[in-house]
Amino acid sequence: MENYNEIINGEWLTLVDFFATWCGPCKMMHPVLEQLKDELGDGIRIIKIDVDKNNNLAMNYRVQSVPTLMLFRKGEMLWRQSGALQLSALKNVIGQFQ
């Protein structure tokens, strides 16, 4: 798999999910992200970053709560939000950048 920087610097719209295995809202986001990928297919890349295993990356982005979602294209952060979202809200956000 490509490394993180290659992915977020690519042409694809990329949703990054900073999560933790012990986080309840993060567990609620998992099926939402799967359904989002099913619906949008190749229109988006979704990567999950475990903050406990990737502490330096989480600190670089000043992730203070999980889940924290970030949307990137060509290395530019287009959007960021902490907390769980419903599928419809997430699709509305992504639709603004497609």
Protein backbone atom coordinates (compact mmCIF):
# COMPACT_ATOMS: atom_id res chain seq x y z
CA MET A 1 0.00 0.00 0.00
CA GLU A 2 1.13 3.52 -0.67
CA ASN A 3 2.31 5.53 2.28
CA TYR A 4 0.15 8.14 3.94
CA ASN A 5 1.75 11.17 2.25
CA GLU A 6 1.45 9.63 -1.22
CA ILE A 7 -2.23 8.97 -0.62
CA ILE A 8 -3.23 12.43 0.65
CA ASN A 9 -1.11 14.17 -2.01
CA GLY A 10 -2.83 12.27 -4.81
CA GLU A 11 -5.53 13.42 -7.19
CA TRP A 12 -8.22 11.41 -5.36
CA LEU A 13 -10.49 12.90 -2.75
CA THR A 14 -9.28 11.16 0.43
CA LEU A 15 -11.12 10.89 3.73
CA VAL A 16 -8.84 10.20 6.69
CA ASP A 17 -10.41 8.76 9.84
CA PHE A 18 -8.27 9.22 12.95
CA PHE A 19 -9.70 6.66 15.37
CA ALA A 20 -8.94 4.51 18.41
CA THR A 21 -9.95 0.89 18.98
CA TRP A 22 -11.29 1.73 22.45
CA CYS A 23 -13.49 4.63 21.21
CA GLY A 24 -17.26 4.03 21.12
CA PRO A 25 -18.11 6.75 18.56
CA CYS A 26 -15.25 5.45 16.37
CA LYS A 27 -16.89 2.03 16.35
CA MET A 28 -20.15 3.69 15.28
CA MET A 29 -18.35 5.36 12.36
CA HIS A 30 -17.01 2.09 10.91
CA PRO A 31 -20.27 0.96 9.22
CA VAL A 32 -20.94 4.55 8.09
CA LEU A 33 -17.55 4.66 6.35
CA GLU A 34 -18.13 1.23 4.77
CA GLN A 35 -21.51 2.35 3.43
CA LEU A 36 -19.97 5.61 2.17
CA LYS A 37 -17.32 3.65 0.26
CA ASP A 38 -20.00 1.32 -1.16
CA GLU A 39 -22.04 4.28 -2.39
CA LEU A 40 -19.21 6.47 -3.71
CA GLY A 41 -16.90 3.70 -4.94
CA ASP A 42 -13.90 5.06 -6.81
CA GLY A 43 -15.02 8.63 -6.13
CA ILE A 44 -13.22 8.62 -2.77
CA ARG A 45 -10.43 6.91 -0.89
CA ILE A 46 -10.90 6.25 2.81
CA ILE A 47 -8.02 5.51 5.14
CA LYS A 48 -8.16 4.80 8.84
CA ILE A 49 -5.35 5.92 11.15
CA ASP A 50 -5.18 4.38 14.64
CA VAL A 51 -4.00 7.24 16.87
CA ASP A 52 -2.48 4.83 19.38
CA LYS A 53 -0.29 3.21 16.71
CA ASN A 54 0.42 6.46 14.80
CA ASN A 55 0.88 8.93 17.62
CA ASN A 56 3.32 11.19 15.74
CA LEU A 57 0.94 11.60 12.82
CA ALA A 58 -1.95 12.36 15.17
CA MET A 59 0.19 14.93 16.99
CA ASN A 60 1.23 16.55 13.68
CA TYR A 61 -2.46 17.20 12.94
CA ARG A 62 -3.22 18.12 16.55
CA VAL A 63 -5.84 15.40 16.86
CA GLN A 64 -7.19 15.82 20.39
CA SER A 65 -10.33 13.73 20.18
CA VAL A 66 -11.46 10.73 18.19
CA PRO A 67 -12.93 10.20 15.78
CA THR A 68 -11.48 13.10 13.82
CA LEU A 69 -12.25 13.10 10.11
CA MET A 70 -10.24 15.05 7.54
CA LEU A 71 -10.78 15.40 3.82
CA PHE A 72 -7.77 15.90 1.53
CA ARG A 73 -7.05 16.40 -2.15
CA LYS A 74 -3.59 17.09 -3.60
CA GLY A 75 -2.19 17.46 -0.09
CA GLU A 76 -4.62 20.21 0.89
CA MET A 77 -6.92 19.70 3.85
CA LEU A 78 -10.36 20.67 2.59
CA TRP A 79 -12.40 19.90 5.71
CA ARG A 80 -11.98 18.64 9.27
CA GLN A 81 -14.37 17.67 12.04
CA SER A 82 -14.22 15.72 15.27
CA GLY A 83 -17.04 13.46 16.37
CA ALA A 84 -19.21 10.85 14.74
CA LEU A 85 -21.35 11.82 11.76
CA GLN A 86 -24.37 10.26 10.11
CA LEU A 87 -23.96 9.03 6.54
CA SER A 88 -26.17 11.79 5.09
CA ALA A 89 -24.13 14.55 6.78
CA LEU A 90 -20.86 13.02 5.62
CA LYS A 91 -22.14 12.69 2.05
CA ASN A 92 -23.24 16.34 2.08
CA VAL A 93 -19.76 17.46 3.13
CA ILE A 94 -18.02 15.29 0.52
CA GLY A 95 -20.46 16.42 -2.16
CA GLN A 96 -19.19 19.98 -1.79
CA PHE A 97 -15.73 18.87 -2.96
CA GLN A 98 -16.52 16.32 -5.68
